[in-house]
Amino acid sequence: MAGSILATNPKAKEINSKMVERMFEWASKDDYVCSEEEAFFLVFNWREISDAGLEVQKLEGIELQNYGKYVYSQLLPQLAPLADPGSMPGQTILFDGDLLPRAIQPFLTATGKPGQELLQRYNPDDLYIVACYRVGGARLFRKALARSLRKSSTIGFVDLLPCAVGAEEHGEFTELVLSKLFLLPALHIAFGRCIFLQFGFLAPQEIIDMGFITVSQDEGFAAT
């Protein structure tokens, strides 16, 4: 069985205190809905990341392409407790990350104008995605996350595309992510805590250094 992962930020109490204050601010907004859920795809252009030389990782002297490491290193700081989206009450599950296969093209077309415009600008094979399921202020969260990624000038970031959740077991989103794209549940983020489900792009200490309170592993997902 995989070893348990546990790391705690030494400034946890300070971060937690500030986070609670910000969470109350979010919860007091007229358009915040505690139970609101939404699913969406974070879309990146892997060619832009590659051209910038940001995906290369050296392992025993061998250079490997690791788009996931770069994408998550840009995404997770936006979800840390004191970041704008990260301080919003709610829970987030991120599903792996992979190159976007042509099988997803019908979905992009079905999303309406955003997806159709994206297909006009990019070859689907040039896209790298991370899937996200959010409960709690979902529409506000998606908008805030997109704004933060653009504000930080994240190289390769393209757009956030919403996906129908459905009424039963996350409906279309679950079928699409798990049955067609085969993106595994990677991280569960809630109230400043990051739980590893099946994740290997970054080490726990790297995530702690981004400002999370704790990093742990869900033993139910531990490899055997």
Protein backbone atom coordinates (compact mmCIF):
# COMPACT_ATOMS: atom_id res chain seq x y z
CA MET A 1 0.00 0.00 0.00
CA ALA A 2 1.20 3.52 -0.81
CA GLY A 3 2.70 5.40 2.10
CA SER A 4 0.54 7.97 3.82
CA ILE A 5 1.15 11.57 2.80
CA LEU A 6 0.95 14.21 5.48
CA ALA A 7 2.31 17.75 5.52
CA THR A 8 1.16 20.72 7.55
CA ASN A 9 1.93 24.36 6.94
CA PRO A 10 3.61 25.88 10.03
CA LYS A 11 1.49 29.01 9.43
CA ALA A 12 -1.71 26.92 9.38
CA LYS A 13 -3.44 28.80 12.21
CA GLU A 14 -2.74 32.17 10.64
CA ILE A 15 -3.88 30.99 7.20
CA ASN A 16 -6.99 29.38 8.64
CA SER A 17 -7.96 32.55 10.52
CA LYS A 18 -7.62 34.73 7.42
CA MET A 19 -9.39 32.15 5.28
CA VAL A 20 -12.43 32.02 7.59
CA GLU A 21 -12.73 35.80 7.36
CA ARG A 22 -12.64 35.70 3.56
CA MET A 23 -15.08 32.80 3.43
CA PHE A 24 -17.64 34.83 5.36
CA GLU A 25 -17.16 37.65 2.84
CA TRP A 26 -17.86 35.28 -0.07
CA ALA A 27 -20.85 33.67 1.67
CA SER A 28 -22.43 37.09 2.24
CA LYS A 29 -22.56 37.86 -1.49
CA ASP A 30 -26.08 37.97 -2.90
CA ASP A 31 -25.19 35.68 -5.82
CA TYR A 32 -23.36 33.04 -3.79
CA VAL A 33 -25.26 29.74 -3.58
CA CYS A 34 -23.89 27.27 -1.04
CA SER A 35 -25.28 24.15 -2.75
CA GLU A 36 -24.65 25.22 -6.35
CA GLU A 37 -22.68 22.63 -8.34
CA GLU A 38 -20.97 22.80 -11.69
CA ALA A 39 -18.50 20.91 -13.81
CA PHE A 40 -16.10 22.37 -16.32
CA PHE A 41 -12.88 21.77 -18.22
CA LEU A 42 -9.76 23.87 -17.82
CA VAL A 43 -8.31 24.01 -21.31
CA PHE A 44 -4.63 24.66 -22.06
CA ASN A 45 -2.60 24.67 -25.28
CA TRP A 46 0.26 22.23 -24.76
CA ARG A 47 2.15 23.55 -27.80
CA GLU A 48 2.41 27.02 -26.23
CA ILE A 49 3.66 25.43 -23.00
CA SER A 50 6.15 23.35 -24.96
CA ASP A 51 7.39 26.31 -27.04
CA ALA A 52 8.09 28.18 -23.80
CA GLY A 53 10.09 25.21 -22.51
CA LEU A 54 7.98 25.01 -19.35
CA GLU A 55 6.98 21.35 -19.51
CA VAL A 56 10.45 19.79 -19.44
CA GLN A 57 11.33 17.73 -16.39
CA LYS A 58 14.68 16.00 -15.95
CA LEU A 59 14.70 12.52 -14.44
CA GLU A 60 18.06 10.78 -14.09
CA GLY A 61 19.49 12.94 -16.84
CA ILE A 62 16.62 12.26 -19.24
CA GLU A 63 14.34 15.10 -20.32
CA LEU A 64 10.63 14.26 -20.08
CA GLN A 65 7.60 16.23 -21.21
CA ASN A 66 5.36 16.86 -18.21
CA TYR A 67 2.54 19.22 -19.04
CA GLY A 68 0.64 18.19 -15.93
CA LYS A 69 3.38 19.40 -13.61
CA TYR A 70 3.34 22.85 -15.21
CA VAL A 71 -0.45 23.11 -15.39
CA TYR A 72 -0.97 22.11 -11.76
CA SER A 73 1.85 24.37 -10.60
CA GLN A 74 -0.10 27.28 -12.11
CA LEU A 75 -3.55 26.08 -11.10
CA LEU A 76 -3.08 25.11 -7.45
CA PRO A 77 -1.81 28.51 -6.21
CA GLN A 78 -5.14 29.92 -7.44
CA LEU A 79 -6.94 27.39 -5.22
CA ALA A 80 -4.89 27.98 -2.08
CA PRO A 81 -6.84 29.36 0.91
CA LEU A 82 -5.86 33.01 0.57
CA ALA A 83 -6.20 33.19 -3.20
CA ASP A 84 -9.42 34.69 -4.56
CA PRO A 85 -11.18 31.47 -5.70
CA GLY A 86 -9.46 29.42 -2.99
CA SER A 87 -11.06 31.36 -0.14
CA MET A 88 -14.57 30.75 -1.49
CA PRO A 89 -16.55 28.23 0.64
CA GLY A 90 -17.01 24.94 -1.18
CA GLN A 91 -15.31 21.79 -2.38
CA THR A 92 -13.42 21.08 -5.59
CA ILE A 93 -12.40 17.82 -7.23
CA LEU A 94 -9.82 17.92 -10.02
CA PHE A 95 -9.59 15.08 -12.51
CA ASP A 96 -6.09 14.30 -13.76
CA GLY A 97 -4.92 16.05 -16.93
CA ASP A 98 -4.31 14.82 -20.43
CA LEU A 99 -4.03 15.81 -24.06
CA LEU A 100 -7.49 16.44 -25.46
CA PRO A 101 -8.37 13.66 -27.95
CA ARG A 102 -10.50 14.17 -31.03
CA ALA A 103 -13.25 12.18 -29.28
CA ILE A 104 -14.06 15.34 -27.32
CA GLN A 105 -14.76 17.41 -30.43
CA PRO A 106 -18.54 16.73 -30.34
CA PHE A 107 -18.60 18.08 -26.77
CA LEU A 108 -16.79 21.25 -27.75
CA THR A 109 -19.34 21.79 -30.52
CA ALA A 110 -22.23 21.13 -28.12
CA THR A 111 -21.03 23.72 -25.60
CA GLY A 112 -22.18 26.41 -28.00
CA LYS A 113 -20.29 29.50 -29.02
CA PRO A 114 -17.29 29.17 -26.63
CA GLY A 115 -16.52 25.63 -27.71
CA GLN A 116 -17.13 26.32 -31.40
CA GLU A 117 -14.84 29.35 -31.32
CA LEU A 118 -12.20 27.27 -29.56
CA LEU A 119 -12.36 24.68 -32.37
CA GLN A 120 -11.86 27.44 -34.92
CA ARG A 121 -8.75 28.66 -33.12
CA TYR A 122 -7.15 25.35 -32.12
CA ASN A 123 -6.65 21.81 -33.30
CA PRO A 124 -8.23 19.59 -30.62
CA ASP A 125 -5.04 17.54 -30.55
CA ASP A 126 -3.17 20.64 -29.33
CA LEU A 127 -5.25 20.94 -26.17
CA TYR A 128 -4.52 19.69 -22.67
CA ILE A 129 -7.34 19.53 -20.14
CA VAL A 130 -7.98 19.20 -16.44
CA ALA A 131 -11.57 18.43 -15.48
CA CYS A 132 -13.14 20.06 -12.43
CA TYR A 133 -16.27 19.39 -10.37
CA ARG A 134 -17.24 22.13 -7.93
CA VAL A 135 -19.87 22.41 -5.17
CA GLY A 136 -20.47 25.81 -3.55
CA GLY A 137 -20.72 29.09 -5.43
CA ALA A 138 -19.88 27.20 -8.61
CA ARG A 139 -20.51 29.94 -11.17
CA LEU A 140 -18.69 32.54 -9.08
CA PHE A 141 -15.84 30.07 -8.57
CA ARG A 142 -15.46 29.36 -12.29
CA LYS A 143 -15.44 33.05 -13.19
CA ALA A 144 -12.99 33.92 -10.40
CA LEU A 145 -10.66 31.07 -11.39
CA ALA A 146 -10.64 32.10 -15.07
CA ARG A 147 -9.98 35.70 -14.05
CA SER A 148 -7.09 34.68 -11.77
CA LEU A 149 -5.45 32.49 -14.41
CA ARG A 150 -5.65 35.27 -16.99
CA LYS A 151 -4.45 37.89 -14.51
CA SER A 152 -1.39 35.80 -13.71
CA SER A 153 -0.66 35.50 -17.46
CA THR A 154 -0.58 31.71 -17.31
CA ILE A 155 1.15 30.54 -20.47
CA GLY A 156 -1.01 28.21 -22.53
CA PHE A 157 -4.27 28.91 -20.70
CA VAL A 158 -7.13 28.90 -23.22
CA ASP A 159 -10.49 28.88 -21.44
CA LEU A 160 -12.87 27.22 -18.97
CA LEU A 161 -15.68 25.28 -20.64
CA PRO A 162 -18.72 24.27 -18.55
CA CYS A 163 -20.20 20.80 -18.89
CA ALA A 164 -23.66 19.48 -17.95
CA VAL A 165 -23.56 17.70 -14.61
CA GLY A 166 -26.85 15.82 -14.71
CA ALA A 167 -29.03 14.62 -11.87
CA GLU A 168 -27.57 11.18 -11.18
CA GLU A 169 -23.94 10.62 -10.15
CA HIS A 170 -22.79 13.79 -11.89
CA GLY A 171 -24.50 12.63 -15.11
CA GLU A 172 -22.89 13.58 -18.41
CA PHE A 173 -19.75 14.91 -16.76
CA THR A 174 -18.92 11.62 -15.05
CA GLU A 175 -19.59 9.62 -18.20
CA LEU A 176 -17.45 11.94 -20.27
CA VAL A 177 -14.54 12.19 -17.84
CA LEU A 178 -14.37 8.62 -16.58
CA SER A 179 -15.73 6.57 -19.49
CA LYS A 180 -14.57 8.49 -22.57
CA LEU A 181 -11.57 10.57 -21.55
CA PHE A 182 -10.41 8.28 -18.73
CA LEU A 183 -9.36 11.16 -16.46
CA LEU A 184 -8.87 9.85 -12.93
CA PRO A 185 -9.85 11.78 -9.78
CA ALA A 186 -6.59 13.49 -8.76
CA LEU A 187 -7.16 15.98 -5.93
CA HIS A 188 -9.94 16.90 -3.51
CA ILE A 189 -9.64 20.46 -2.20
CA ALA A 190 -11.81 21.73 0.64
CA PHE A 191 -11.36 24.53 3.17
CA GLY A 192 -7.65 25.00 2.59
CA ARG A 193 -6.87 21.30 2.66
CA CYS A 194 -5.59 19.32 -0.32
CA ILE A 195 -6.26 15.57 -0.38
CA PHE A 196 -4.36 13.34 -2.81
CA LEU A 197 -6.62 10.85 -4.56
CA GLN A 198 -4.43 9.72 -7.46
CA PHE A 199 -1.88 12.45 -8.01
CA GLY A 200 1.83 12.49 -8.77
CA PHE A 201 2.62 15.73 -10.57
CA LEU A 202 3.78 17.62 -7.47
CA ALA A 203 5.16 16.64 -4.05
CA PRO A 204 3.17 17.44 -0.87
CA GLN A 205 5.73 20.02 0.28
CA GLU A 206 5.46 21.86 -3.03
CA ILE A 207 1.71 22.19 -2.50
CA ILE A 208 2.17 23.26 1.13
CA ASP A 209 4.54 25.96 -0.08
CA MET A 210 1.72 27.29 -2.25
CA GLY A 211 -0.19 28.16 0.93
CA PHE A 212 -2.38 25.15 1.70
CA ILE A 213 -3.00 24.28 5.34
CA THR A 214 -2.50 20.52 5.03
CA VAL A 215 -1.82 17.90 2.38
CA SER A 216 -2.89 14.32 3.03
CA GLN A 217 -3.82 11.16 1.16
CA ASP A 218 -7.21 9.54 0.94
CA GLU A 219 -6.35 5.96 1.86
CA GLY A 220 -9.35 4.76 -0.12
CA PHE A 221 -7.47 5.74 -3.28
CA ALA A 222 -4.06 4.51 -2.13
CA ALA A 223 -2.36 2.15 -4.54
CA THR A 224 -2.02 -1.45 -3.48
